[in-house]
Amino acid sequence: MSLKENDISFDIRGAAFKVHTELGPGLLESVYEAALSYELSKMGYQIKNQVGVPMIYAEMKMDVGFRLDLLVNDLVIVEIKSVDALADIHHKQLLTYLKLSGKKLGILINFNSASLKDSIVRIVNNL
């Protein structure tokens, strides 16, 4: 049985809590990305880091430098932040990535918080 987005999302959140417990807040996004990639790989997931996403405008494909932090099993986008607080623009950025890539589920995680409970956001695109 292949895993669906919601199953993968559950494991991503669990791995994020583990990483946050081990490392705590205040580190660079790249550190959390590497640790989260490691944890998810250990669980058997296929992880792609810094995946380029082209933009199509007026039928023209443009490589303008959009990069997904993590793509899990080619289904779920994980966008990692290490900021004081998530802003509306972070949510919009992930939704745009979902639309450009045709993916249905994204997870936005801010590791720079005392508790991850309120710092993990699921964003859906026609799921």
PDB file of N, CA and C in Angstrom:
ATOM      1  N   MET A   1       0.848  -1.198   0.000  1.00  0.00           N
ATOM      2  CA  MET A   1       0.000   0.000   0.000  1.00  0.00           C
ATOM      3  C   MET A   1       0.885   1.249   0.000  1.00  0.00           C
ATOM      4  N   SER A   2       0.643   2.148  -0.918  1.00  0.00           N
ATOM      5  CA  SER A   2       1.426   3.374  -0.947  1.00  0.00           C
ATOM      6  C   SER A   2       0.826   4.397   0.019  1.00  0.00           C
ATOM      7  N   LEU A   3       1.696   5.165   0.629  1.00  0.00           N
ATOM      8  CA  LEU A   3       1.268   6.161   1.597  1.00  0.00           C
ATOM      9  C   LEU A   3       0.674   7.371   0.889  1.00  0.00           C
ATOM     10  N   LYS A   4      -0.327   7.935   1.499  1.00  0.00           N
ATOM     11  CA  LYS A   4      -0.967   9.140   0.993  1.00  0.00           C
ATOM     12  C   LYS A   4      -0.396  10.354   1.722  1.00  0.00           C
ATOM     13  N   GLU A   5      -0.745  11.528   1.238  1.00  0.00           N
ATOM     14  CA  GLU A   5      -0.222  12.772   1.798  1.00  0.00           C
ATOM     15  C   GLU A   5      -0.432  12.881   3.309  1.00  0.00           C
ATOM     16  N   ASN A   6      -1.631  12.530   3.788  1.00  0.00           N
ATOM     17  CA  ASN A   6      -1.911  12.680   5.212  1.00  0.00           C
ATOM     18  C   ASN A   6      -1.069  11.749   6.075  1.00  0.00           C
ATOM     19  N   ASP A   7      -0.798  10.538   5.584  1.00  0.00           N
ATOM     20  CA  ASP A   7       0.060   9.605   6.314  1.00  0.00           C
ATOM     21  C   ASP A   7       1.487  10.162   6.395  1.00  0.00           C
ATOM     22  N   ILE A   8       1.971  10.666   5.281  1.00  0.00           N
ATOM     23  CA  ILE A   8       3.318  11.230   5.222  1.00  0.00           C
ATOM     24  C   ILE A   8       3.404  12.443   6.138  1.00  0.00           C
ATOM     25  N   SER A   9       2.369  13.279   6.132  1.00  0.00           N
ATOM     26  CA  SER A   9       2.324  14.472   6.968  1.00  0.00           C
ATOM     27  C   SER A   9       2.466  14.117   8.446  1.00  0.00           C
ATOM     28  N   PHE A  10       1.815  13.059   8.863  1.00  0.00           N
ATOM     29  CA  PHE A  10       1.895  12.615  10.262  1.00  0.00           C
ATOM     30  C   PHE A  10       3.344  12.294  10.631  1.00  0.00           C
ATOM     31  N   ASP A  11       4.031  11.561   9.768  1.00  0.00           N
ATOM     32  CA  ASP A  11       5.423  11.196  10.038  1.00  0.00           C
ATOM     33  C   ASP A  11       6.362  12.395   9.970  1.00  0.00           C
ATOM     34  N   ILE A  12       6.089  13.336   9.069  1.00  0.00           N
ATOM     35  CA  ILE A  12       6.905  14.553   8.981  1.00  0.00           C
ATOM     36  C   ILE A  12       6.812  15.324  10.289  1.00  0.00           C
ATOM     37  N   ARG A  13       5.607  15.462  10.807  1.00  0.00           N
ATOM     38  CA  ARG A  13       5.439  16.199  12.065  1.00  0.00           C
ATOM     39  C   ARG A  13       6.168  15.496  13.210  1.00  0.00           C
ATOM     40  N   GLY A  14       6.068  14.172  13.260  1.00  0.00           N
ATOM     41  CA  GLY A  14       6.763  13.424  14.306  1.00  0.00           C
ATOM     42  C   GLY A  14       8.270  13.603  14.210  1.00  0.00           C
ATOM     43  N   ALA A  15       8.810  13.544  12.997  1.00  0.00           N
ATOM     44  CA  ALA A  15      10.250  13.728  12.798  1.00  0.00           C
ATOM     45  C   ALA A  15      10.664  15.158  13.155  1.00  0.00           C
ATOM     46  N   ALA A  16       9.828  16.141  12.823  1.00  0.00           N
ATOM     47  CA  ALA A  16      10.130  17.536  13.155  1.00  0.00           C
ATOM     48  C   ALA A  16      10.193  17.731  14.665  1.00  0.00           C
ATOM     49  N   PHE A  17       9.269  17.122  15.404  1.00  0.00           N
ATOM     50  CA  PHE A  17       9.298  17.222  16.865  1.00  0.00           C
ATOM     51  C   PHE A  17      10.580  16.596  17.416  1.00  0.00           C
ATOM     52  N   LYS A  18      11.001  15.473  16.856  1.00  0.00           N
ATOM     53  CA  LYS A  18      12.230  14.820  17.296  1.00  0.00           C
ATOM     54  C   LYS A  18      13.436  15.720  17.054  1.00  0.00           C
ATOM     55  N   VAL A  19      13.527  16.296  15.855  1.00  0.00           N
ATOM     56  CA  VAL A  19      14.635  17.192  15.523  1.00  0.00           C
ATOM     57  C   VAL A  19      14.640  18.392  16.455  1.00  0.00           C
ATOM     58  N   HIS A  20      13.476  18.983  16.687  1.00  0.00           N
ATOM     59  CA  HIS A  20      13.390  20.166  17.544  1.00  0.00           C
ATOM     60  C   HIS A  20      13.780  19.832  18.981  1.00  0.00           C
ATOM     61  N   THR A  21      13.380  18.673  19.463  1.00  0.00           N
ATOM     62  CA  THR A  21      13.743  18.247  20.817  1.00  0.00           C
ATOM     63  C   THR A  21      15.256  18.079  20.937  1.00  0.00           C
ATOM     64  N   GLU A  22      15.869  17.500  19.911  1.00  0.00           N
ATOM     65  CA  GLU A  22      17.318  17.261  19.937  1.00  0.00           C
ATOM     66  C   GLU A  22      18.130  18.553  19.784  1.00  0.00           C
ATOM     67  N   LEU A  23      17.726  19.416  18.854  1.00  0.00           N
ATOM     68  CA  LEU A  23      18.540  20.574  18.508  1.00  0.00           C
ATOM     69  C   LEU A  23      18.097  21.872  19.176  1.00  0.00           C
ATOM     70  N   GLY A  24      16.811  21.993  19.493  1.00  0.00           N
ATOM     71  CA  GLY A  24      16.291  23.234  20.057  1.00  0.00           C
ATOM     72  C   GLY A  24      16.205  24.330  19.003  1.00  0.00           C
ATOM     73  N   PRO A  25      15.718  25.503  19.400  1.00  0.00           N
ATOM     74  CA  PRO A  25      15.572  26.629  18.464  1.00  0.00           C
ATOM     75  C   PRO A  25      16.894  27.371  18.271  1.00  0.00           C
ATOM     76  N   GLY A  26      16.913  28.264  17.271  1.00  0.00           N
ATOM     77  CA  GLY A  26      18.013  29.209  17.128  1.00  0.00           C
ATOM     78  C   GLY A  26      19.087  28.858  16.129  1.00  0.00           C
ATOM     79  N   LEU A  27      18.934  27.756  15.393  1.00  0.00           N
ATOM     80  CA  LEU A  27      19.946  27.367  14.420  1.00  0.00           C
ATOM     81  C   LEU A  27      19.524  27.780  13.012  1.00  0.00           C
ATOM     82  N   LEU A  28      20.424  27.624  12.066  1.00  0.00           N
ATOM     83  CA  LEU A  28      20.120  27.957  10.673  1.00  0.00           C
ATOM     84  C   LEU A  28      19.132  26.957  10.079  1.00  0.00           C
ATOM     85  N   GLU A  29      18.362  27.420   9.117  1.00  0.00           N
ATOM     86  CA  GLU A  29      17.395  26.548   8.434  1.00  0.00           C
ATOM     87  C   GLU A  29      18.079  25.332   7.827  1.00  0.00           C
ATOM     88  N   SER A  30      19.279  25.509   7.282  1.00  0.00           N
ATOM     89  CA  SER A  30      19.990  24.399   6.639  1.00  0.00           C
ATOM     90  C   SER A  30      20.292  23.272   7.627  1.00  0.00           C
ATOM     91  N   VAL A  31      20.511  23.591   8.883  1.00  0.00           N
ATOM     92  CA  VAL A  31      20.769  22.574   9.912  1.00  0.00           C
ATOM     93  C   VAL A  31      19.514  21.740  10.124  1.00  0.00           C
ATOM     94  N   TYR A  32      18.375  22.405  10.264  1.00  0.00           N
ATOM     95  CA  TYR A  32      17.112  21.690  10.468  1.00  0.00           C
ATOM     96  C   TYR A  32      16.751  20.865   9.228  1.00  0.00           C
ATOM     97  N   GLU A  33      17.026  21.419   8.060  1.00  0.00           N
ATOM     98  CA  GLU A  33      16.744  20.692   6.817  1.00  0.00           C
ATOM     99  C   GLU A  33      17.539  19.390   6.763  1.00  0.00           C
ATOM    100  N   ALA A  34      18.826  19.468   7.094  1.00  0.00           N
ATOM    101  CA  ALA A  34      19.675  18.272   7.065  1.00  0.00           C
ATOM    102  C   ALA A  34      19.207  17.238   8.092  1.00  0.00           C
ATOM    103  N   ALA A  35      18.891  17.689   9.291  1.00  0.00           N
ATOM    104  CA  ALA A  35      18.456  16.775  10.339  1.00  0.00           C
ATOM    105  C   ALA A  35      17.104  16.143  10.005  1.00  0.00           C
ATOM    106  N   LEU A  36      16.181  16.939   9.500  1.00  0.00           N
ATOM    107  CA  LEU A  36      14.864  16.418   9.147  1.00  0.00           C
ATOM    108  C   LEU A  36      14.971  15.439   7.974  1.00  0.00           C
ATOM    109  N   SER A  37      15.807  15.756   7.007  1.00  0.00           N
ATOM    110  CA  SER A  37      16.041  14.836   5.892  1.00  0.00           C
ATOM    111  C   SER A  37      16.562  13.497   6.405  1.00  0.00           C
ATOM    112  N   TYR A  38      17.500  13.551   7.322  1.00  0.00           N
ATOM    113  CA  TYR A  38      18.078  12.338   7.900  1.00  0.00           C
ATOM    114  C   TYR A  38      17.010  11.497   8.598  1.00  0.00           C
ATOM    115  N   GLU A  39      16.207  12.145   9.440  1.00  0.00           N
ATOM    116  CA  GLU A  39      15.168  11.422  10.187  1.00  0.00           C
ATOM    117  C   GLU A  39      14.147  10.776   9.250  1.00  0.00           C
ATOM    118  N   LEU A  40      13.720  11.514   8.234  1.00  0.00           N
ATOM    119  CA  LEU A  40      12.730  10.970   7.297  1.00  0.00           C
ATOM    120  C   LEU A  40      13.326   9.862   6.439  1.00  0.00           C
ATOM    121  N   SER A  41      14.585   9.993   6.069  1.00  0.00           N
ATOM    122  CA  SER A  41      15.257   8.931   5.313  1.00  0.00           C
ATOM    123  C   SER A  41      15.344   7.655   6.141  1.00  0.00           C
ATOM    124  N   LYS A  42      15.639   7.809   7.428  1.00  0.00           N
ATOM    125  CA  LYS A  42      15.690   6.649   8.321  1.00  0.00           C
ATOM    126  C   LYS A  42      14.352   5.927   8.377  1.00  0.00           C
ATOM    127  N   MET A  43      13.273   6.676   8.190  1.00  0.00           N
ATOM    128  CA  MET A  43      11.929   6.096   8.222  1.00  0.00           C
ATOM    129  C   MET A  43      11.557   5.451   6.882  1.00  0.00           C
ATOM    130  N   GLY A  44      12.441   5.562   5.905  1.00  0.00           N
ATOM    131  CA  GLY A  44      12.199   4.927   4.612  1.00  0.00           C
ATOM    132  C   GLY A  44      11.632   5.842   3.544  1.00  0.00           C
ATOM    133  N   TYR A  45      11.559   7.125   3.832  1.00  0.00           N
ATOM    134  CA  TYR A  45      11.021   8.061   2.845  1.00  0.00           C
ATOM    135  C   TYR A  45      12.082   8.470   1.837  1.00  0.00           C
ATOM    136  N   GLN A  46      11.625   8.758   0.618  1.00  0.00           N
ATOM    137  CA  GLN A  46      12.489   9.303  -0.425  1.00  0.00           C
ATOM    138  C   GLN A  46      12.473  10.818  -0.255  1.00  0.00           C
ATOM    139  N   ILE A  47      13.645  11.388  -0.034  1.00  0.00           N
ATOM    140  CA  ILE A  47      13.755  12.819   0.227  1.00  0.00           C
ATOM    141  C   ILE A  47      14.540  13.490  -0.891  1.00  0.00           C
ATOM    142  N   LYS A  48      14.014  14.590  -1.384  1.00  0.00           N
ATOM    143  CA  LYS A  48      14.748  15.434  -2.323  1.00  0.00           C
ATOM    144  C   LYS A  48      14.905  16.800  -1.663  1.00  0.00           C
ATOM    145  N   ASN A  49      16.142  17.303  -1.678  1.00  0.00           N
ATOM    146  CA  ASN A  49      16.442  18.597  -1.064  1.00  0.00           C
ATOM    147  C   ASN A  49      16.617  19.669  -2.132  1.00  0.00           C
ATOM    148  N   GLN A  50      16.171  20.876  -1.800  1.00  0.00           N
ATOM    149  CA  GLN A  50      16.365  22.042  -2.652  1.00  0.00           C
ATOM    150  C   GLN A  50      15.963  21.768  -4.104  1.00  0.00           C
ATOM    151  N   VAL A  51      14.726  21.320  -4.268  1.00  0.00           N
ATOM    152  CA  VAL A  51      14.189  20.966  -5.579  1.00  0.00           C
ATOM    153  C   VAL A  51      13.776  22.236  -6.327  1.00  0.00           C
ATOM    154  N   GLY A  52      14.297  22.395  -7.507  1.00  0.00           N
ATOM    155  CA  GLY A  52      13.939  23.548  -8.327  1.00  0.00           C
ATOM    156  C   GLY A  52      12.521  23.438  -8.859  1.00  0.00           C
ATOM    157  N   VAL A  53      11.810  24.549  -8.851  1.00  0.00           N
ATOM    158  CA  VAL A  53      10.436  24.592  -9.364  1.00  0.00           C
ATOM    159  C   VAL A  53      10.356  25.684 -10.422  1.00  0.00           C
ATOM    160  N   PRO A  54      10.088  25.296 -11.662  1.00  0.00           N
ATOM    161  CA  PRO A  54       9.971  26.324 -12.704  1.00  0.00           C
ATOM    162  C   PRO A  54       8.646  27.071 -12.590  1.00  0.00           C
ATOM    163  N   MET A  55       8.640  28.267 -13.087  1.00  0.00           N
ATOM    164  CA  MET A  55       7.411  29.052 -13.158  1.00  0.00           C
ATOM    165  C   MET A  55       7.002  29.131 -14.618  1.00  0.00           C
ATOM    166  N   ILE A  56       5.724  28.977 -14.869  1.00  0.00           N
ATOM    167  CA  ILE A  56       5.223  29.119 -16.235  1.00  0.00           C
ATOM    168  C   ILE A  56       4.392  30.388 -16.286  1.00  0.00           C
ATOM    169  N   TYR A  57       4.776  31.257 -17.205  1.00  0.00           N
ATOM    170  CA  TYR A  57       4.079  32.519 -17.391  1.00  0.00           C
ATOM    171  C   TYR A  57       3.842  32.713 -18.877  1.00  0.00           C
ATOM    172  N   ALA A  58       2.581  32.898 -19.251  1.00  0.00           N
ATOM    173  CA  ALA A  58       2.216  33.106 -20.659  1.00  0.00           C
ATOM    174  C   ALA A  58       2.812  32.002 -21.537  1.00  0.00           C
ATOM    175  N   GLU A  59       2.605  30.768 -21.123  1.00  0.00           N
ATOM    176  CA  GLU A  59       3.094  29.567 -21.814  1.00  0.00           C
ATOM    177  C   GLU A  59       4.610  29.473 -21.912  1.00  0.00           C
ATOM    178  N   MET A  60       5.330  30.303 -21.175  1.00  0.00           N
ATOM    179  CA  MET A  60       6.788  30.247 -21.210  1.00  0.00           C
ATOM    180  C   MET A  60       7.300  29.730 -19.872  1.00  0.00           C
ATOM    181  N   LYS A  61       8.098  28.674 -19.926  1.00  0.00           N
ATOM    182  CA  LYS A  61       8.680  28.084 -18.718  1.00  0.00           C
ATOM    183  C   LYS A  61       9.934  28.871 -18.354  1.00  0.00           C
ATOM    184  N   MET A  62       9.956  29.356 -17.098  1.00  0.00           N
ATOM    185  CA  MET A  62      11.086  30.163 -16.638  1.00  0.00           C
ATOM    186  C   MET A  62      11.680  29.534 -15.387  1.00  0.00           C
ATOM    187  N   ASP A  63      12.987  29.361 -15.385  1.00  0.00           N
ATOM    188  CA  ASP A  63      13.666  28.884 -14.191  1.00  0.00           C
ATOM    189  C   ASP A  63      14.134  30.111 -13.430  1.00  0.00           C
ATOM    190  N   VAL A  64      13.335  30.515 -12.442  1.00  0.00           N
ATOM    191  CA  VAL A  64      13.624  31.765 -11.742  1.00  0.00           C
ATOM    192  C   VAL A  64      14.140  31.544 -10.323  1.00  0.00           C
ATOM    193  N   GLY A  65      14.533  30.334 -10.020  1.00  0.00           N
ATOM    194  CA  GLY A  65      15.203  30.105  -8.751  1.00  0.00           C
ATOM    195  C   GLY A  65      14.332  29.703  -7.578  1.00  0.00           C
ATOM    196  N   PHE A  66      13.080  29.333  -7.806  1.00  0.00           N
ATOM    197  CA  PHE A  66      12.274  28.819  -6.697  1.00  0.00           C
ATOM    198  C   PHE A  66      12.837  27.470  -6.281  1.00  0.00           C
ATOM    199  N   ARG A  67      12.988  27.251  -4.984  1.00  0.00           N
ATOM    200  CA  ARG A  67      13.521  25.995  -4.463  1.00  0.00           C
ATOM    201  C   ARG A  67      12.674  25.513  -3.297  1.00  0.00           C
ATOM    202  N   LEU A  68      12.208  24.265  -3.411  1.00  0.00           N
ATOM    203  CA  LEU A  68      11.510  23.626  -2.298  1.00  0.00           C
ATOM    204  C   LEU A  68      12.573  23.125  -1.334  1.00  0.00           C
ATOM    205  N   ASP A  69      12.396  23.343  -0.044  1.00  0.00           N
ATOM    206  CA  ASP A  69      13.377  22.842   0.923  1.00  0.00           C
ATOM    207  C   ASP A  69      13.440  21.321   0.867  1.00  0.00           C
ATOM    208  N   LEU A  70      12.291  20.671   1.037  1.00  0.00           N
ATOM    209  CA  LEU A  70      12.220  19.214   0.983  1.00  0.00           C
ATOM    210  C   LEU A  70      11.003  18.786   0.179  1.00  0.00           C
ATOM    211  N   LEU A  71      11.153  17.711  -0.568  1.00  0.00           N
ATOM    212  CA  LEU A  71      10.036  17.056  -1.222  1.00  0.00           C
ATOM    213  C   LEU A  71      10.068  15.601  -0.767  1.00  0.00           C
ATOM    214  N   VAL A  72       9.013  15.177  -0.098  1.00  0.00           N
ATOM    215  CA  VAL A  72       8.964  13.850   0.506  1.00  0.00           C
ATOM    216  C   VAL A  72       8.090  12.937  -0.358  1.00  0.00           C
ATOM    217  N   ASN A  73       8.698  11.835  -0.817  1.00  0.00           N
ATOM    218  CA  ASN A  73       8.010  10.841  -1.660  1.00  0.00           C
ATOM    219  C   ASN A  73       7.327  11.463  -2.872  1.00  0.00           C
ATOM    220  N   ASP A  74       7.881  12.547  -3.371  1.00  0.00           N
ATOM    221  CA  ASP A  74       7.315  13.267  -4.515  1.00  0.00           C
ATOM    222  C   ASP A  74       5.871  13.707  -4.296  1.00  0.00           C
ATOM    223  N   LEU A  75       5.455  13.801  -3.027  1.00  0.00           N
ATOM    224  CA  LEU A  75       4.066  14.166  -2.725  1.00  0.00           C
ATOM    225  C   LEU A  75       3.922  15.380  -1.820  1.00  0.00           C
ATOM    226  N   VAL A  76       4.754  15.496  -0.797  1.00  0.00           N
ATOM    227  CA  VAL A  76       4.564  16.532   0.225  1.00  0.00           C
ATOM    228  C   VAL A  76       5.768  17.471   0.237  1.00  0.00           C
ATOM    229  N   ILE A  77       5.481  18.770   0.154  1.00  0.00           N
ATOM    230  CA  ILE A  77       6.507  19.807   0.233  1.00  0.00           C
ATOM    231  C   ILE A  77       6.671  20.204   1.698  1.00  0.00           C
ATOM    232  N   VAL A  78       7.922  20.306   2.146  1.00  0.00           N
ATOM    233  CA  VAL A  78       8.214  20.805   3.487  1.00  0.00           C
ATOM    234  C   VAL A  78       9.027  22.081   3.337  1.00  0.00           C
ATOM    235  N   GLU A  79       8.500  23.161   3.873  1.00  0.00           N
ATOM    236  CA  GLU A  79       9.192  24.447   3.849  1.00  0.00           C
ATOM    237  C   GLU A  79       9.649  24.739   5.276  1.00  0.00           C
ATOM    238  N   ILE A  80      10.949  24.906   5.448  1.00  0.00           N
ATOM    239  CA  ILE A  80      11.558  25.065   6.772  1.00  0.00           C
ATOM    240  C   ILE A  80      11.934  26.519   6.987  1.00  0.00           C
ATOM    241  N   LYS A  81      11.571  27.019   8.153  1.00  0.00           N
ATOM    242  CA  LYS A  81      11.930  28.374   8.547  1.00  0.00           C
ATOM    243  C   LYS A  81      12.601  28.340   9.914  1.00  0.00           C
ATOM    244  N   SER A  82      13.399  29.369  10.187  1.00  0.00           N
ATOM    245  CA  SER A  82      13.965  29.591  11.510  1.00  0.00           C
ATOM    246  C   SER A  82      13.901  31.092  11.750  1.00  0.00           C
ATOM    247  N   VAL A  83      12.685  31.559  12.038  1.00  0.00           N
ATOM    248  CA  VAL A  83      12.392  32.994  12.154  1.00  0.00           C
ATOM    249  C   VAL A  83      11.700  33.265  13.483  1.00  0.00           C
ATOM    250  N   ASP A  84      11.626  34.547  13.855  1.00  0.00           N
ATOM    251  CA  ASP A  84      10.970  34.906  15.118  1.00  0.00           C
ATOM    252  C   ASP A  84       9.517  34.452  15.139  1.00  0.00           C
ATOM    253  N   ALA A  85       8.821  34.648  14.033  1.00  0.00           N
ATOM    254  CA  ALA A  85       7.418  34.223  13.927  1.00  0.00           C
ATOM    255  C   ALA A  85       7.082  34.029  12.455  1.00  0.00           C
ATOM    256  N   LEU A  86       6.222  33.068  12.179  1.00  0.00           N
ATOM    257  CA  LEU A  86       5.762  32.873  10.808  1.00  0.00           C
ATOM    258  C   LEU A  86       4.908  34.063  10.402  1.00  0.00           C
ATOM    259  N   ALA A  87       5.150  34.552   9.214  1.00  0.00           N
ATOM    260  CA  ALA A  87       4.383  35.674   8.678  1.00  0.00           C
ATOM    261  C   ALA A  87       3.449  35.159   7.592  1.00  0.00           C
ATOM    262  N   ASP A  88       2.484  35.975   7.237  1.00  0.00           N
ATOM    263  CA  ASP A  88       1.527  35.621   6.189  1.00  0.00           C
ATOM    264  C   ASP A  88       2.243  35.267   4.881  1.00  0.00           C
ATOM    265  N   ILE A  89       3.350  35.950   4.599  1.00  0.00           N
ATOM    266  CA  ILE A  89       4.081  35.706   3.359  1.00  0.00           C
ATOM    267  C   ILE A  89       4.646  34.282   3.307  1.00  0.00           C
ATOM    268  N   HIS A  90       4.990  33.709   4.457  1.00  0.00           N
ATOM    269  CA  HIS A  90       5.499  32.326   4.485  1.00  0.00           C
ATOM    270  C   HIS A  90       4.413  31.347   4.049  1.00  0.00           C
ATOM    271  N   HIS A  91       3.186  31.579   4.515  1.00  0.00           N
ATOM    272  CA  HIS A  91       2.052  30.736   4.115  1.00  0.00           C
ATOM    273  C   HIS A  91       1.792  30.868   2.613  1.00  0.00           C
ATOM    274  N   LYS A  92       1.824  32.109   2.125  1.00  0.00           N
ATOM    275  CA  LYS A  92       1.580  32.358   0.701  1.00  0.00           C
ATOM    276  C   LYS A  92       2.676  31.754  -0.162  1.00  0.00           C
ATOM    277  N   GLN A  93       3.918  31.814   0.314  1.00  0.00           N
ATOM    278  CA  GLN A  93       5.039  31.232  -0.428  1.00  0.00           C
ATOM    279  C   GLN A  93       4.821  29.734  -0.627  1.00  0.00           C
ATOM    280  N   LEU A  94       4.450  29.036   0.444  1.00  0.00           N
ATOM    281  CA  LEU A  94       4.241  27.590   0.337  1.00  0.00           C
ATOM    282  C   LEU A  94       3.050  27.276  -0.558  1.00  0.00           C
ATOM    283  N   LEU A  95       1.984  28.041  -0.455  1.00  0.00           N
ATOM    284  CA  LEU A  95       0.828  27.817  -1.325  1.00  0.00           C
ATOM    285  C   LEU A  95       1.215  28.023  -2.793  1.00  0.00           C
ATOM    286  N   THR A  96       2.031  29.025  -3.067  1.00  0.00           N
ATOM    287  CA  THR A  96       2.509  29.250  -4.433  1.00  0.00           C
ATOM    288  C   THR A  96       3.336  28.062  -4.912  1.00  0.00           C
ATOM    289  N   TYR A  97       4.214  27.537  -4.048  1.00  0.00           N
ATOM    290  CA  TYR A  97       5.008  26.360  -4.414  1.00  0.00           C
ATOM    291  C   TYR A  97       4.108  25.174  -4.724  1.00  0.00           C
ATOM    292  N   LEU A  98       3.060  25.003  -3.944  1.00  0.00           N
ATOM    293  CA  LEU A  98       2.118  23.908  -4.191  1.00  0.00           C
ATOM    294  C   LEU A  98       1.473  24.070  -5.566  1.00  0.00           C
ATOM    295  N   LYS A  99       1.032  25.263  -5.865  1.00  0.00           N
ATOM    296  CA  LYS A  99       0.367  25.513  -7.141  1.00  0.00           C
ATOM    297  C   LYS A  99       1.328  25.336  -8.317  1.00  0.00           C
ATOM    298  N   LEU A 100       2.538  25.879  -8.206  1.00  0.00           N
ATOM    299  CA  LEU A 100       3.509  25.766  -9.294  1.00  0.00           C
ATOM    300  C   LEU A 100       3.950  24.325  -9.543  1.00  0.00           C
ATOM    301  N   SER A 101       4.025  23.537  -8.475  1.00  0.00           N
ATOM    302  CA  SER A 101       4.504  22.155  -8.604  1.00  0.00           C
ATOM    303  C   SER A 101       3.381  21.155  -8.849  1.00  0.00           C
ATOM    304  N   GLY A 102       2.129  21.588  -8.624  1.00  0.00           N
ATOM    305  CA  GLY A 102       1.000  20.675  -8.773  1.00  0.00           C
ATOM    306  C   GLY A 102       0.831  19.724  -7.598  1.00  0.00           C
ATOM    307  N   LYS A 103       1.529  19.982  -6.497  1.00  0.00           N
ATOM    308  CA  LYS A 103       1.401  19.131  -5.299  1.00  0.00           C
ATOM    309  C   LYS A 103       0.191  19.577  -4.489  1.00  0.00           C
ATOM    310  N   LYS A 104      -0.289  18.664  -3.643  1.00  0.00           N
ATOM    311  CA  LYS A 104      -1.528  18.932  -2.905  1.00  0.00           C
ATOM    312  C   LYS A 104      -1.325  19.316  -1.448  1.00  0.00           C
ATOM    313  N   LEU A 105      -0.183  18.948  -0.852  1.00  0.00           N
ATOM    314  CA  LEU A 105       0.000  19.211   0.575  1.00  0.00           C
ATOM    315  C   LEU A 105       1.397  19.734   0.858  1.00  0.00           C
ATOM    316  N   GLY A 106       1.441  20.765   1.689  1.00  0.00           N
ATOM    317  CA  GLY A 106       2.710  21.318   2.149  1.00  0.00           C
ATOM    318  C   GLY A 106       2.689  21.480   3.655  1.00  0.00           C
ATOM    319  N   ILE A 107       3.872  21.350   4.241  1.00  0.00           N
ATOM    320  CA  ILE A 107       4.032  21.533   5.684  1.00  0.00           C
ATOM    321  C   ILE A 107       5.033  22.668   5.878  1.00  0.00           C
ATOM    322  N   LEU A 108       4.604  23.683   6.618  1.00  0.00           N
ATOM    323  CA  LEU A 108       5.442  24.830   6.950  1.00  0.00           C
ATOM    324  C   LEU A 108       5.863  24.673   8.410  1.00  0.00           C
ATOM    325  N   ILE A 109       7.180  24.660   8.658  1.00  0.00           N
ATOM    326  CA  ILE A 109       7.686  24.438  10.014  1.00  0.00           C
ATOM    327  C   ILE A 109       8.632  25.570  10.396  1.00  0.00           C
ATOM    328  N   ASN A 110       8.360  26.213  11.527  1.00  0.00           N
ATOM    329  CA  ASN A 110       9.274  27.212  12.077  1.00  0.00           C
ATOM    330  C   ASN A 110       9.987  26.601  13.282  1.00  0.00           C
ATOM    331  N   PHE A 111      11.254  26.240  13.099  1.00  0.00           N
ATOM    332  CA  PHE A 111      12.011  25.606  14.171  1.00  0.00           C
ATOM    333  C   PHE A 111      12.495  26.589  15.223  1.00  0.00           C
ATOM    334  N   ASN A 112      12.407  27.886  14.952  1.00  0.00           N
ATOM    335  CA  ASN A 112      12.888  28.882  15.905  1.00  0.00           C
ATOM    336  C   ASN A 112      11.777  29.282  16.874  1.00  0.00           C
ATOM    337  N   SER A 113      11.265  28.287  17.591  1.00  0.00           N
ATOM    338  CA  SER A 113      10.210  28.551  18.565  1.00  0.00           C
ATOM    339  C   SER A 113      10.448  27.668  19.781  1.00  0.00           C
ATOM    340  N   ALA A 114       9.920  28.110  20.920  1.00  0.00           N
ATOM    341  CA  ALA A 114      10.090  27.335  22.147  1.00  0.00           C
ATOM    342  C   ALA A 114       9.384  25.991  22.036  1.00  0.00           C
ATOM    343  N   SER A 115       8.228  25.982  21.362  1.00  0.00           N
ATOM    344  CA  SER A 115       7.464  24.759  21.167  1.00  0.00           C
ATOM    345  C   SER A 115       7.006  24.689  19.715  1.00  0.00           C
ATOM    346  N   LEU A 116       7.134  23.507  19.115  1.00  0.00           N
ATOM    347  CA  LEU A 116       6.694  23.359  17.722  1.00  0.00           C
ATOM    348  C   LEU A 116       5.184  23.228  17.585  1.00  0.00           C
ATOM    349  N   LYS A 117       4.501  23.005  18.692  1.00  0.00           N
ATOM    350  CA  LYS A 117       3.058  22.742  18.645  1.00  0.00           C
ATOM    351  C   LYS A 117       2.300  23.747  17.766  1.00  0.00           C
ATOM    352  N   ASP A 118       2.601  25.012  17.930  1.00  0.00           N
ATOM    353  CA  ASP A 118       1.911  26.046  17.151  1.00  0.00           C
ATOM    354  C   ASP A 118       2.753  26.570  15.989  1.00  0.00           C
ATOM    355  N   SER A 119       3.842  25.870  15.686  1.00  0.00           N
ATOM    356  CA  SER A 119       4.757  26.337  14.649  1.00  0.00           C
ATOM    357  C   SER A 119       4.847  25.387  13.462  1.00  0.00           C
ATOM    358  N   ILE A 120       3.885  24.459  13.381  1.00  0.00           N
ATOM    359  CA  ILE A 120       3.779  23.581  12.213  1.00  0.00           C
ATOM    360  C   ILE A 120       2.409  23.817  11.590  1.00  0.00           C
ATOM    361  N   VAL A 121       2.414  24.176  10.305  1.00  0.00           N
ATOM    362  CA  VAL A 121       1.169  24.517   9.611  1.00  0.00           C
ATOM    363  C   VAL A 121       1.039  23.650   8.368  1.00  0.00           C
ATOM    364  N   ARG A 122      -0.123  23.024   8.221  1.00  0.00           N
ATOM    365  CA  ARG A 122      -0.441  22.279   6.993  1.00  0.00           C
ATOM    366  C   ARG A 122      -1.134  23.219   6.029  1.00  0.00           C
ATOM    367  N   ILE A 123      -0.680  23.216   4.793  1.00  0.00           N
ATOM    368  CA  ILE A 123      -1.305  24.038   3.766  1.00  0.00           C
ATOM    369  C   ILE A 123      -1.684  23.117   2.611  1.00  0.00           C
ATOM    370  N   VAL A 124      -2.945  23.203   2.197  1.00  0.00           N
ATOM    371  CA  VAL A 124      -3.430  22.295   1.165  1.00  0.00           C
ATOM    372  C   VAL A 124      -3.755  23.032  -0.129  1.00  0.00           C
ATOM    373  N   ASN A 125      -3.628  22.303  -1.212  1.00  0.00           N
ATOM    374  CA  ASN A 125      -3.954  22.782  -2.545  1.00  0.00           C
ATOM    375  C   ASN A 125      -4.802  21.716  -3.211  1.00  0.00           C
ATOM    376  N   ASN A 126      -6.109  21.847  -3.108  1.00  0.00           N
ATOM    377  CA  ASN A 126      -7.056  20.898  -3.714  1.00  0.00           C
ATOM    378  C   ASN A 126      -6.880  19.455  -3.228  1.00  0.00           C
ATOM    379  N   LEU A 127      -6.635  19.286  -1.940  1.00  0.00           N
ATOM    380  CA  LEU A 127      -6.487  17.929  -1.379  1.00  0.00           C
ATOM    381  C   LEU A 127      -7.846  17.392  -0.987  1.00  0.00           C
TER     382      LEU A 127
END
